[in-house]
């Protein structure tokens, strides 16, 4: 899987460049009410920001930056892609979440989100991220920089390898996987070998463990073996 990393620096900090005369319009629409309140409190203390805490859908408020949870952001990007754009540019999207696995971050980046912060990040990263997005930059939580950078050095799985991996994680044998996917057992073995090579695994269970750590399969998969 290839991703363009040119617009994803480790961080894009720019708090000292904020224009105090032009406020950044921020809409906070996180699904967690407590997180919503905390974000509003932190950003409300910034003199260069106009904050609207509103978790309602859709988002009629005009904003420069909208803050969402992971699931909400992906849904927002899907809706935006299917909606004709009129008037001013759509708000740039910042995810604030506890989801820190490689696949979760990559999925969000590929969906087109502009920033990604962990809820455990330092408080000063939040306004820095909002300011960066408002200036057309992207922002990635410093805690995730190494994770994402490492992921770019690995060869991504093909769609068929991903299908095989999901069934492998369910404990299915090669014959069952072949029947489920409508392919030959020999083909399944080829895909399993490809998975081992790409994940650096030495056995089927090992492959599932490594894939789970990277977020390629659900956490419950290991317990099915």
Protein backbone atom coordinates (compact mmCIF):
# COMPACT_ATOMS: atom_id res chain seq x y z
CA UNK A 1 0.00 0.00 0.00
CA UNK A 2 1.58 3.28 -1.08
CA UNK A 3 0.93 6.55 0.67
CA UNK A 4 2.18 10.00 -0.15
CA UNK A 5 4.02 11.13 2.98
CA UNK A 6 5.16 14.50 1.71
CA UNK A 7 2.34 16.32 3.47
CA UNK A 8 2.72 14.38 6.72
CA UNK A 9 5.69 15.76 8.67
CA UNK A 10 6.26 14.39 12.15
CA UNK A 11 4.59 17.53 13.49
CA UNK A 12 3.66 20.89 12.04
CA UNK A 13 3.83 23.29 14.94
CA UNK A 14 2.91 26.89 14.41
CA UNK A 15 1.39 28.45 17.50
CA UNK A 16 3.66 31.48 17.39
CA UNK A 17 2.41 32.33 13.91
CA UNK A 18 -1.25 32.66 14.88
CA UNK A 19 -2.91 35.85 13.68
CA UNK A 20 -4.72 37.29 16.66
CA UNK A 21 -6.99 39.40 14.42
CA UNK A 22 -8.45 36.42 12.55
CA UNK A 23 -9.91 33.74 14.77
CA UNK A 24 -9.79 30.10 13.75
CA UNK A 25 -13.34 28.72 13.73
CA UNK A 26 -13.31 25.33 15.43
CA UNK A 27 -16.26 22.95 15.57
CA UNK A 28 -15.88 20.20 18.16
CA UNK A 29 -18.04 17.18 17.32
CA UNK A 30 -16.39 14.31 19.18
CA UNK A 31 -18.74 11.44 20.06
CA UNK A 32 -17.54 11.33 23.68
CA UNK A 33 -19.24 14.11 25.66
CA UNK A 34 -16.48 14.31 28.26
CA UNK A 35 -13.76 14.53 25.61
CA UNK A 36 -15.88 17.13 23.82
CA UNK A 37 -16.02 19.25 26.96
CA UNK A 38 -12.31 18.91 27.59
CA UNK A 39 -11.43 19.92 24.04
CA UNK A 40 -13.74 22.92 24.25
CA UNK A 41 -12.17 24.01 27.53
CA UNK A 42 -8.62 23.75 26.19
CA UNK A 43 -9.30 25.53 22.92
CA UNK A 44 -11.66 28.05 24.47
CA UNK A 45 -8.72 29.43 26.42
CA UNK A 46 -6.92 30.32 23.17
CA UNK A 47 -7.48 33.95 22.18
CA UNK A 48 -7.15 33.24 18.47
CA UNK A 49 -9.89 30.60 18.36
CA UNK A 50 -13.67 30.70 18.14
CA UNK A 51 -14.93 27.38 19.50
CA UNK A 52 -18.32 25.78 18.90
CA UNK A 53 -18.88 22.58 20.94
CA UNK A 54 -21.56 20.73 19.02
CA UNK A 55 -21.80 16.95 18.67
CA UNK A 56 -24.92 17.06 16.48
CA UNK A 57 -24.95 15.65 12.94
CA UNK A 58 -24.83 16.98 10.31
CA UNK A 59 -22.57 19.98 10.96
CA UNK A 60 -24.28 23.15 9.69
CA UNK A 61 -21.84 25.49 11.46
CA UNK A 62 -19.21 27.03 9.19
CA UNK A 63 -15.79 26.09 10.51
CA UNK A 64 -12.14 26.09 9.53
CA UNK A 65 -11.35 22.97 11.56
CA UNK A 66 -13.68 20.24 12.80
CA UNK A 67 -12.57 17.85 15.56
CA UNK A 68 -14.00 14.33 15.51
CA UNK A 69 -13.38 10.86 16.89
CA UNK A 70 -11.94 8.20 14.57
CA UNK A 71 -15.24 6.66 13.44
CA UNK A 72 -16.94 10.03 13.07
CA UNK A 73 -14.08 11.40 11.01
CA UNK A 74 -14.12 8.50 8.56
CA UNK A 75 -17.87 8.86 8.13
CA UNK A 76 -17.50 12.62 7.69
CA UNK A 77 -14.88 12.12 4.97
CA UNK A 78 -17.12 9.61 3.15
CA UNK A 79 -20.05 12.02 3.24
CA UNK A 80 -17.88 14.89 2.10
CA UNK A 81 -16.56 12.88 -0.84
CA UNK A 82 -20.14 12.20 -1.98
CA UNK A 83 -21.42 15.75 -1.50
CA UNK A 84 -20.91 18.50 -4.10
CA UNK A 85 -18.97 21.37 -2.57
CA UNK A 86 -20.36 24.90 -2.86
CA UNK A 87 -19.15 28.15 -1.39
CA UNK A 88 -16.15 28.15 0.94
CA UNK A 89 -13.77 25.24 1.32
CA UNK A 90 -14.90 22.44 3.65
CA UNK A 91 -13.52 22.33 7.17
CA UNK A 92 -10.27 20.50 7.68
CA UNK A 93 -10.61 17.41 9.85
CA UNK A 94 -8.67 16.65 13.02
CA UNK A 95 -9.07 13.28 14.74
CA UNK A 96 -8.64 13.06 18.51
CA UNK A 97 -8.73 9.43 19.63
CA UNK A 98 -7.24 6.65 21.73
CA UNK A 99 -6.82 4.50 18.61
CA UNK A 100 -3.08 4.32 18.04
CA UNK A 101 -2.52 1.20 15.97
CA UNK A 102 -0.74 1.49 12.66
CA UNK A 103 -3.67 0.35 10.54
CA UNK A 104 -6.08 2.74 12.26
CA UNK A 105 -3.78 5.69 11.61
CA UNK A 106 -3.12 4.68 8.01
CA UNK A 107 -6.84 4.20 7.34
CA UNK A 108 -7.56 7.72 8.56
CA UNK A 109 -4.72 9.22 6.54
CA UNK A 110 -5.85 7.43 3.40
CA UNK A 111 -9.40 8.67 3.98
CA UNK A 112 -8.08 12.20 3.70
CA UNK A 113 -8.09 13.47 7.29
CA UNK A 114 -5.73 16.36 7.90
CA UNK A 115 -4.62 15.75 11.48
CA UNK A 116 -4.41 12.92 13.99
CA UNK A 117 -3.91 13.34 17.75
CA UNK A 118 -3.96 10.85 20.58
CA UNK A 119 -6.03 11.73 23.64
CA UNK A 120 -2.91 11.10 25.72
CA UNK A 121 -0.87 13.77 23.93
CA UNK A 122 0.45 16.88 25.65
CA UNK A 123 -2.19 19.61 25.99
CA UNK A 124 -0.20 22.08 23.89
CA UNK A 125 -0.35 19.77 20.87
CA UNK A 126 -4.09 20.40 20.48
CA UNK A 127 -3.98 24.15 19.69
CA UNK A 128 -0.80 23.60 17.69
CA UNK A 129 -2.59 21.02 15.55
CA UNK A 130 -5.63 23.25 15.04
CA UNK A 131 -3.45 26.18 13.98
CA UNK A 132 -1.47 24.00 11.59
CA UNK A 133 -4.64 22.70 9.94
CA UNK A 134 -6.09 26.21 9.68
CA UNK A 135 -3.04 27.22 7.64
CA UNK A 136 -3.45 24.33 5.23
CA UNK A 137 -0.84 22.07 6.85
CA UNK A 138 -1.25 18.59 8.24
CA UNK A 139 -0.46 17.44 11.76
CA UNK A 140 0.42 14.05 13.15
CA UNK A 141 0.75 13.41 16.88
CA UNK A 142 4.40 13.13 17.84
CA UNK A 143 3.60 9.86 19.61
CA UNK A 144 2.60 8.31 16.28
CA UNK A 145 5.40 9.62 14.07
CA UNK A 146 7.68 6.62 14.51
CA UNK A 147 4.81 4.14 14.13
CA UNK A 148 3.72 5.65 10.83
CA UNK A 149 7.26 6.16 9.56
CA UNK A 150 8.04 2.50 10.24
CA UNK A 151 4.88 1.42 8.43
CA UNK A 152 6.06 3.10 5.23
CA UNK A 153 9.14 0.87 5.18
CA UNK A 154 7.02 -2.29 5.09
CA UNK A 155 5.38 -3.75 2.03
CA UNK A 156 1.60 -3.51 2.29
CA UNK A 157 -0.72 -6.50 1.95
CA UNK A 158 -2.70 -7.09 -1.20
CA UNK A 159 -6.49 -7.18 -0.93
CA UNK A 160 -6.48 -10.99 -1.30
CA UNK A 161 -3.78 -11.38 1.35
CA UNK A 162 -5.92 -9.24 3.64
CA UNK A 163 -8.91 -11.52 3.00
CA UNK A 164 -6.82 -14.59 3.79
CA UNK A 165 -5.45 -12.96 6.93
CA UNK A 166 -8.92 -12.24 8.30
CA UNK A 167 -9.95 -15.88 7.84
CA UNK A 168 -6.63 -17.07 9.20
CA UNK A 169 -7.30 -15.00 12.30
CA UNK A 170 -10.60 -16.85 12.73
CA UNK A 171 -8.68 -20.12 12.94
CA UNK A 172 -9.79 -21.44 9.55
CA UNK A 173 -7.68 -24.05 7.78
CA UNK A 174 -6.45 -23.69 4.21
CA UNK A 175 -9.32 -25.77 2.81
CA UNK A 176 -11.92 -23.62 4.59
CA UNK A 177 -10.24 -20.43 3.42
CA UNK A 178 -10.15 -21.74 -0.15
CA UNK A 179 -13.84 -22.61 -0.01
CA UNK A 180 -14.76 -19.27 1.54
CA UNK A 181 -12.86 -17.24 -1.06
CA UNK A 182 -13.53 -19.49 -4.03
CA UNK A 183 -9.87 -20.11 -4.77
CA UNK A 184 -7.62 -23.18 -4.80
CA UNK A 185 -5.86 -24.55 -1.73
CA UNK A 186 -2.53 -24.04 -3.50
CA UNK A 187 -3.38 -20.38 -4.00
CA UNK A 188 -4.22 -20.05 -0.32
CA UNK A 189 -0.84 -21.54 0.59
CA UNK A 190 0.84 -19.00 -1.67
CA UNK A 191 -0.99 -16.14 0.04
CA UNK A 192 -0.17 -17.51 3.49
CA UNK A 193 3.51 -17.69 2.55
CA UNK A 194 3.28 -14.10 1.30
CA UNK A 195 1.77 -13.07 4.62
CA UNK A 196 4.58 -14.78 6.53
CA UNK A 197 7.20 -12.98 4.43
CA UNK A 198 5.60 -9.54 4.77
CA UNK A 199 4.80 -9.83 8.46
CA UNK A 200 8.04 -11.57 9.40
CA UNK A 201 6.07 -14.48 10.85
CA UNK A 202 7.17 -18.09 11.30
CA UNK A 203 3.77 -19.72 11.93
CA UNK A 204 0.07 -19.05 11.47
CA UNK A 205 -0.54 -18.00 15.09
CA UNK A 206 2.59 -15.84 15.00
CA UNK A 207 1.26 -14.12 11.88
CA UNK A 208 -2.04 -13.35 13.63
CA UNK A 209 -0.24 -11.99 16.70
CA UNK A 210 1.94 -9.69 14.57
CA UNK A 211 -1.02 -8.59 12.45
CA UNK A 212 -3.02 -7.82 15.58
CA UNK A 213 -0.23 -5.65 16.95
CA UNK A 214 -0.29 -3.66 13.72
CA UNK A 215 -4.06 -3.38 13.82
CA UNK A 216 -4.59 -5.48 10.71
CA UNK A 217 -7.04 -7.76 12.55
CA UNK A 218 -9.17 -7.35 15.65
CA UNK A 219 -7.85 -7.84 19.16
CA UNK A 220 -10.10 -10.86 19.71
CA UNK A 221 -8.50 -12.86 16.92
CA UNK A 222 -5.71 -14.32 19.07
CA UNK A 223 -8.14 -15.92 21.46
CA UNK A 224 -9.73 -17.93 18.67
CA UNK A 225 -6.69 -20.19 18.34
